[in-house]
């Protein structure tokens, strides 16, 4: 059974705002369980402006006729790579409103077609896909829904594009990162498109194993971070305990030194008082000595008088 999006009878066309930008067609080429392949082409090949004048506007029927004529005589007139030039300015992809990076883009230079492969999808899922060109090309975008399945179905056109107003509001796609373009040269003699092999399909079991592996890695990282956190906490607690112990030791030493300092101050005050008392007693003794020495001559005279009698 094929699971795919609702489609129209004709290819979706991106109409550029400026008349000198060609009309582009985008079609779904293949839908698998994990990928979807788009073909971006131009209904006609633009002539090289160095060899002939370029018309400013062409109708859809004229574009298709010119594309048939140019494909039948590829060597008659040199042509420019219209799709390659447009994609070189950037392509933006959103899946379910989220920028999608799992995109492979390849250019078929001979046919001037761009092969766009979106991979990494889940089986049996419905996706809202939006493809947009660079703002230099007019901020053109197309949006549609696809449903992945278990088998591929080629040549399924993409659903209706959004209106011009919706395309104008798709300027938010310019915030996405541009997808690099890898160009390969096809053989000029090949008359049919070479099918592009899709990426390797990812089954539910493989996806489960992948998620289990990622979960185990996250659990291991969580355990490692938890052990580091515990070790850091232990080291921090040890450092805090050492600091507290040192602070307590300094406090006790300061208290002991404070008590000794108080006793020393008291001793100094007592010594100062003793010195003062000693000085006062010395002065009294010196005064007494001076008074005795002053009375000594009189006493000696009286003794001499007494001895004569």
Protein backbone atom coordinates (compact mmCIF):
# COMPACT_ATOMS: atom_id res chain seq x y z
CA UNK A 1 0.00 0.00 0.00
CA UNK A 2 1.21 3.46 -0.81
CA UNK A 3 0.77 6.31 1.61
CA UNK A 4 1.11 9.67 -0.03
CA UNK A 5 -0.32 13.18 0.03
CA UNK A 6 -3.37 14.49 -1.83
CA UNK A 7 -2.18 15.69 -5.20
CA UNK A 8 -3.35 17.75 -8.18
CA UNK A 9 -3.33 16.86 -11.85
CA UNK A 10 -0.56 19.31 -12.75
CA UNK A 11 2.89 20.03 -11.38
CA UNK A 12 3.13 22.73 -8.78
CA UNK A 13 4.64 25.91 -10.16
CA UNK A 14 6.50 28.64 -8.30
CA UNK A 15 5.71 31.97 -9.98
CA UNK A 16 8.42 34.53 -9.48
CA UNK A 17 7.50 38.13 -8.76
CA UNK A 18 9.82 39.60 -11.41
CA UNK A 19 9.07 38.83 -15.09
CA UNK A 20 12.66 37.93 -15.91
CA UNK A 21 12.63 35.04 -13.40
CA UNK A 22 11.51 31.76 -15.05
CA UNK A 23 8.64 29.57 -13.92
CA UNK A 24 9.68 26.57 -11.82
CA UNK A 25 7.98 23.20 -11.40
CA UNK A 26 8.33 21.04 -8.29
CA UNK A 27 7.12 17.44 -8.29
CA UNK A 28 7.36 14.53 -5.89
CA UNK A 29 9.44 11.81 -7.49
CA UNK A 30 9.53 9.16 -4.78
CA UNK A 31 8.17 8.61 -1.27
CA UNK A 32 9.65 5.95 1.00
CA UNK A 33 9.18 5.11 4.64
CA UNK A 34 12.00 7.42 5.72
CA UNK A 35 12.51 9.87 2.86
CA UNK A 36 10.86 11.86 0.08
CA UNK A 37 12.43 12.92 -3.22
CA UNK A 38 11.46 16.09 -5.12
CA UNK A 39 12.37 17.18 -8.65
CA UNK A 40 12.80 20.91 -9.22
CA UNK A 41 12.83 21.82 -12.92
CA UNK A 42 12.09 24.63 -15.34
CA UNK A 43 9.52 24.13 -18.16
CA UNK A 44 11.91 25.84 -20.58
CA UNK A 45 15.61 26.53 -20.77
CA UNK A 46 16.48 30.21 -20.67
CA UNK A 47 18.70 31.36 -23.60
CA UNK A 48 22.12 32.66 -22.83
CA UNK A 49 21.91 36.51 -22.78
CA UNK A 50 25.40 36.70 -24.33
CA UNK A 51 24.13 35.09 -27.57
CA UNK A 52 20.60 36.44 -28.01
CA UNK A 53 18.15 38.85 -26.41
CA UNK A 54 16.10 37.56 -23.50
CA UNK A 55 12.33 38.00 -23.51
CA UNK A 56 10.80 39.59 -20.45
CA UNK A 57 7.82 37.22 -20.09
CA UNK A 58 6.68 33.88 -21.53
CA UNK A 59 3.42 32.03 -21.24
CA UNK A 60 3.23 28.51 -19.83
CA UNK A 61 2.53 26.92 -23.23
CA UNK A 62 5.44 28.77 -24.87
CA UNK A 63 7.70 27.66 -22.04
CA UNK A 64 6.78 24.00 -22.55
CA UNK A 65 7.22 24.25 -26.34
CA UNK A 66 10.61 25.88 -25.96
CA UNK A 67 11.61 23.20 -23.45
CA UNK A 68 10.73 20.45 -25.97
CA UNK A 69 12.58 22.21 -28.79
CA UNK A 70 15.66 22.83 -26.68
CA UNK A 71 15.73 19.24 -25.42
CA UNK A 72 15.59 17.90 -29.01
CA UNK A 73 18.50 20.08 -30.18
CA UNK A 74 20.77 20.55 -27.19
CA UNK A 75 23.77 21.67 -29.23
CA UNK A 76 22.05 24.22 -31.46
CA UNK A 77 21.98 27.10 -28.97
CA UNK A 78 23.87 27.50 -25.70
CA UNK A 79 21.64 27.65 -22.62
CA UNK A 80 22.12 28.78 -19.07
CA UNK A 81 21.56 26.62 -16.02
CA UNK A 82 18.36 28.25 -14.73
CA UNK A 83 17.64 25.87 -11.83
CA UNK A 84 21.29 25.68 -10.83
CA UNK A 85 21.57 29.47 -10.77
CA UNK A 86 18.42 29.77 -8.65
CA UNK A 87 19.38 27.02 -6.19
CA UNK A 88 22.86 28.49 -5.88
CA UNK A 89 21.22 31.43 -4.10
CA UNK A 90 19.87 29.13 -1.39
CA UNK A 91 17.07 26.70 -0.56
CA UNK A 92 15.16 26.56 2.70
CA UNK A 93 13.29 23.54 4.05
CA UNK A 94 10.85 23.26 6.96
CA UNK A 95 9.23 20.07 8.23
CA UNK A 96 6.24 20.57 10.54
CA UNK A 97 7.25 24.20 10.93
CA UNK A 98 10.80 23.35 12.07
CA UNK A 99 13.95 23.96 10.00
CA UNK A 100 15.09 20.61 8.58
CA UNK A 101 18.80 19.97 8.10
CA UNK A 102 18.67 16.38 6.84
CA UNK A 103 18.49 17.36 3.18
CA UNK A 104 20.52 16.12 0.22
CA UNK A 105 20.57 18.30 -2.89
CA UNK A 106 22.01 17.20 -6.24
CA UNK A 107 22.07 19.00 -9.59
CA UNK A 108 21.60 17.31 -12.96
CA UNK A 109 23.42 19.84 -15.12
CA UNK A 110 22.45 18.37 -18.50
CA UNK A 111 18.72 18.43 -17.78
CA UNK A 112 19.00 21.47 -15.47
CA UNK A 113 17.05 19.75 -12.71
CA UNK A 114 17.50 19.80 -8.96
CA UNK A 115 16.97 16.58 -7.01
CA UNK A 116 15.97 17.32 -3.40
CA UNK A 117 15.93 14.41 -0.94
CA UNK A 118 14.55 14.82 2.58
CA UNK A 119 15.67 11.91 4.76
CA UNK A 120 15.51 10.99 8.42
CA UNK A 121 11.69 10.80 8.46
CA UNK A 122 9.66 8.27 10.43
CA UNK A 123 7.57 5.57 8.70
CA UNK A 124 3.80 5.96 8.41
CA UNK A 125 3.85 9.58 9.52
CA UNK A 126 2.21 12.65 8.02
CA UNK A 127 4.51 15.64 7.53
CA UNK A 128 3.84 19.25 6.59
CA UNK A 129 6.73 20.16 4.28
CA UNK A 130 7.57 23.69 3.15
CA UNK A 131 10.19 24.40 0.50
CA UNK A 132 11.32 27.95 -0.13
CA UNK A 133 13.83 29.75 -2.30
CA UNK A 134 16.25 32.46 -1.26
CA UNK A 135 14.85 35.97 -0.66
CA UNK A 136 16.86 37.05 -3.72
CA UNK A 137 14.49 34.97 -5.85
CA UNK A 138 11.38 36.61 -4.42
CA UNK A 139 10.80 34.69 -1.17
CA UNK A 140 8.80 32.06 -3.07
CA UNK A 141 7.68 29.01 -1.09
CA UNK A 142 5.47 25.98 -1.57
CA UNK A 143 3.87 23.91 1.15
CA UNK A 144 2.19 20.53 1.14
CA UNK A 145 1.59 17.39 3.16
CA UNK A 146 3.00 13.93 2.55
CA UNK A 147 2.61 10.62 4.35
CA UNK A 148 5.55 8.26 4.48
CA UNK A 149 4.97 4.58 3.86
CA UNK A 150 6.83 1.31 3.43
CA UNK A 151 7.17 1.43 -0.38
CA UNK A 152 8.16 4.13 -2.87
CA UNK A 153 5.81 5.65 -5.43
CA UNK A 154 7.48 7.68 -8.20
CA UNK A 155 6.04 10.48 -10.29
CA UNK A 156 3.60 11.80 -7.69
CA UNK A 157 3.10 15.58 -8.03
CA UNK A 158 3.32 17.74 -4.96
CA UNK A 159 0.12 19.23 -3.46
CA UNK A 160 -1.13 22.72 -4.23
CA UNK A 161 1.28 25.50 -3.28
CA UNK A 162 0.30 28.25 -0.95
CA UNK A 163 -1.21 31.42 -2.39
CA UNK A 164 0.79 34.51 -3.25
CA UNK A 165 -0.20 36.08 0.08
CA UNK A 166 0.92 32.99 1.95
CA UNK A 167 4.12 32.97 -0.06
CA UNK A 168 4.73 36.58 0.91
CA UNK A 169 4.29 35.67 4.57
CA UNK A 170 6.80 32.87 4.22
CA UNK A 171 9.64 35.29 4.79
CA UNK A 172 10.23 33.48 8.07
CA UNK A 173 11.90 30.80 5.98
CA UNK A 174 14.80 33.16 5.44
CA UNK A 175 15.78 32.58 9.04
CA UNK A 176 16.69 28.98 8.18
CA UNK A 177 20.22 28.05 7.21
CA UNK A 178 20.94 27.60 3.51
CA UNK A 179 21.58 24.07 2.22
CA UNK A 180 24.87 23.52 0.40
CA UNK A 181 24.54 22.31 -3.19
CA UNK A 182 26.58 19.47 -4.61
CA UNK A 183 26.72 19.45 -8.42
CA UNK A 184 27.50 16.42 -10.58
CA UNK A 185 27.89 16.24 -14.37
CA UNK A 186 25.54 13.77 -16.07
CA UNK A 187 26.29 12.01 -19.36
CA UNK A 188 25.15 14.02 -22.36
CA UNK A 189 23.97 10.93 -24.24
CA UNK A 190 21.56 9.81 -21.51
CA UNK A 191 17.96 10.31 -22.59
CA UNK A 192 16.28 9.33 -19.31
CA UNK A 193 16.68 10.39 -15.74
CA UNK A 194 18.89 8.16 -13.64
CA UNK A 195 17.00 7.18 -10.48
CA UNK A 196 18.59 8.48 -7.32
CA UNK A 197 18.93 5.76 -4.68
CA UNK A 198 17.26 6.90 -1.46
CA UNK A 199 19.17 6.84 1.81
CA UNK A 200 19.26 3.65 3.80
CA UNK A 201 15.88 2.99 5.38
CA UNK A 202 15.72 3.23 9.16
CA UNK A 203 13.38 0.66 10.65
CA UNK A 204 11.54 1.04 13.92
CA UNK A 205 13.88 -1.45 15.56
CA UNK A 206 16.92 0.50 14.38
CA UNK A 207 15.34 3.70 15.58
CA UNK A 208 14.57 2.07 18.93
CA UNK A 209 18.15 0.85 19.25
CA UNK A 210 19.44 4.30 18.32
CA UNK A 211 17.23 5.99 20.90
CA UNK A 212 18.19 3.37 23.49
CA UNK A 213 21.86 4.03 22.80
CA UNK A 214 21.34 7.78 23.14
CA UNK A 215 19.38 7.22 26.36
CA UNK A 216 22.19 5.08 27.76
CA UNK A 217 24.70 7.77 26.86
CA UNK A 218 22.56 10.41 28.55
CA UNK A 219 22.16 8.21 31.63
CA UNK A 220 25.93 7.65 31.77
CA UNK A 221 26.55 11.36 31.43
CA UNK A 222 23.94 12.04 34.13
CA UNK A 223 25.64 9.54 36.45
CA UNK A 224 29.04 11.11 35.75
CA UNK A 225 27.72 14.59 36.45
CA UNK A 226 26.01 13.36 39.63
CA UNK A 227 29.22 11.77 40.90
CA UNK A 228 31.15 14.94 40.08
CA UNK A 229 28.55 17.00 41.93
CA UNK A 230 28.79 14.74 44.99
CA UNK A 231 32.58 14.89 44.94
CA UNK A 232 32.48 18.67 44.61
CA UNK A 233 30.05 18.90 47.52
CA UNK A 234 32.30 16.72 49.70
CA UNK A 235 35.35 18.81 48.84
CA UNK A 236 33.40 21.98 49.56
CA UNK A 237 32.22 20.63 52.91
CA UNK A 238 35.78 19.63 53.83
CA UNK A 239 37.08 23.07 52.91
CA UNK A 240 34.31 24.74 54.93
CA UNK A 241 35.07 22.55 57.96
CA UNK A 242 38.79 23.38 57.73
CA UNK A 243 38.03 27.09 57.53
CA UNK A 244 35.69 26.91 60.52
CA UNK A 245 38.31 25.04 62.56
CA UNK A 246 40.97 27.61 61.70
CA UNK A 247 38.63 30.45 62.60
CA UNK A 248 37.85 28.83 65.99
CA UNK A 249 41.57 28.36 66.69
CA UNK A 250 42.26 32.00 65.91
CA UNK A 251 39.39 33.07 68.16
CA UNK A 252 40.70 31.01 71.11
CA UNK A 253 44.24 32.33 70.61
CA UNK A 254 42.91 35.86 70.43
CA UNK A 255 40.99 35.36 73.67
CA UNK A 256 44.10 34.02 75.44
CA UNK A 257 46.21 36.89 74.16
CA UNK A 258 43.53 39.35 75.25
CA UNK A 259 43.58 38.00 78.85
CA UNK A 260 47.40 38.16 79.03
CA UNK A 261 47.38 41.66 77.64
CA UNK A 262 44.90 42.76 80.30
CA UNK A 263 47.09 41.33 83.08
CA UNK A 264 50.18 42.99 81.60
CA UNK A 265 48.41 46.34 81.51
CA UNK A 266 47.46 45.96 85.19
CA UNK A 267 51.08 45.15 86.09
CA UNK A 268 52.31 48.17 84.18
CA UNK A 269 49.88 50.42 86.03
CA UNK A 270 50.98 48.96 89.38
CA UNK A 271 54.64 49.49 88.53
CA UNK A 272 53.97 53.07 87.55
CA UNK A 273 52.27 53.67 90.89
CA UNK A 274 55.18 52.08 92.78
CA UNK A 275 57.64 54.27 90.91
CA UNK A 276 55.65 57.34 91.87
CA UNK A 277 55.63 56.31 95.54
CA UNK A 278 59.36 55.58 95.45
CA UNK A 279 60.11 58.99 94.00
CA UNK A 280 58.00 60.68 96.66
CA UNK A 281 59.77 58.78 99.48
CA UNK A 282 63.14 59.63 97.97
CA UNK A 283 62.28 63.31 97.99
CA UNK A 284 61.20 63.12 101.66
CA UNK A 285 64.43 61.37 102.65
CA UNK A 286 66.52 63.91 100.79
CA UNK A 287 64.71 66.74 102.58
CA UNK A 288 65.32 65.06 105.93
CA UNK A 289 69.01 64.65 105.13
CA UNK A 290 69.31 68.30 104.21
CA UNK A 291 67.66 69.37 107.48
CA UNK A 292 69.95 67.11 109.54
CA UNK A 293 73.00 68.41 107.76
CA UNK A 294 71.87 71.97 108.49
CA UNK A 295 71.55 71.21 112.24
CA UNK A 296 74.87 69.32 112.46
CA UNK A 297 77.21 72.42 113.03
CA UNK A 298 75.10 73.62 115.97
CA UNK A 299 75.15 70.22 117.56
CA UNK A 300 78.92 69.99 117.23
CA UNK A 301 79.31 73.44 118.86
CA UNK A 302 77.16 72.41 121.81
CA UNK A 303 79.19 69.23 122.22
CA UNK A 304 82.40 71.23 122.27
CA UNK A 305 80.99 73.60 124.91
CA UNK A 306 79.92 70.71 127.03
CA UNK A 307 83.33 69.14 126.86
CA UNK A 308 85.03 72.40 128.05
CA UNK A 309 82.90 72.68 131.08
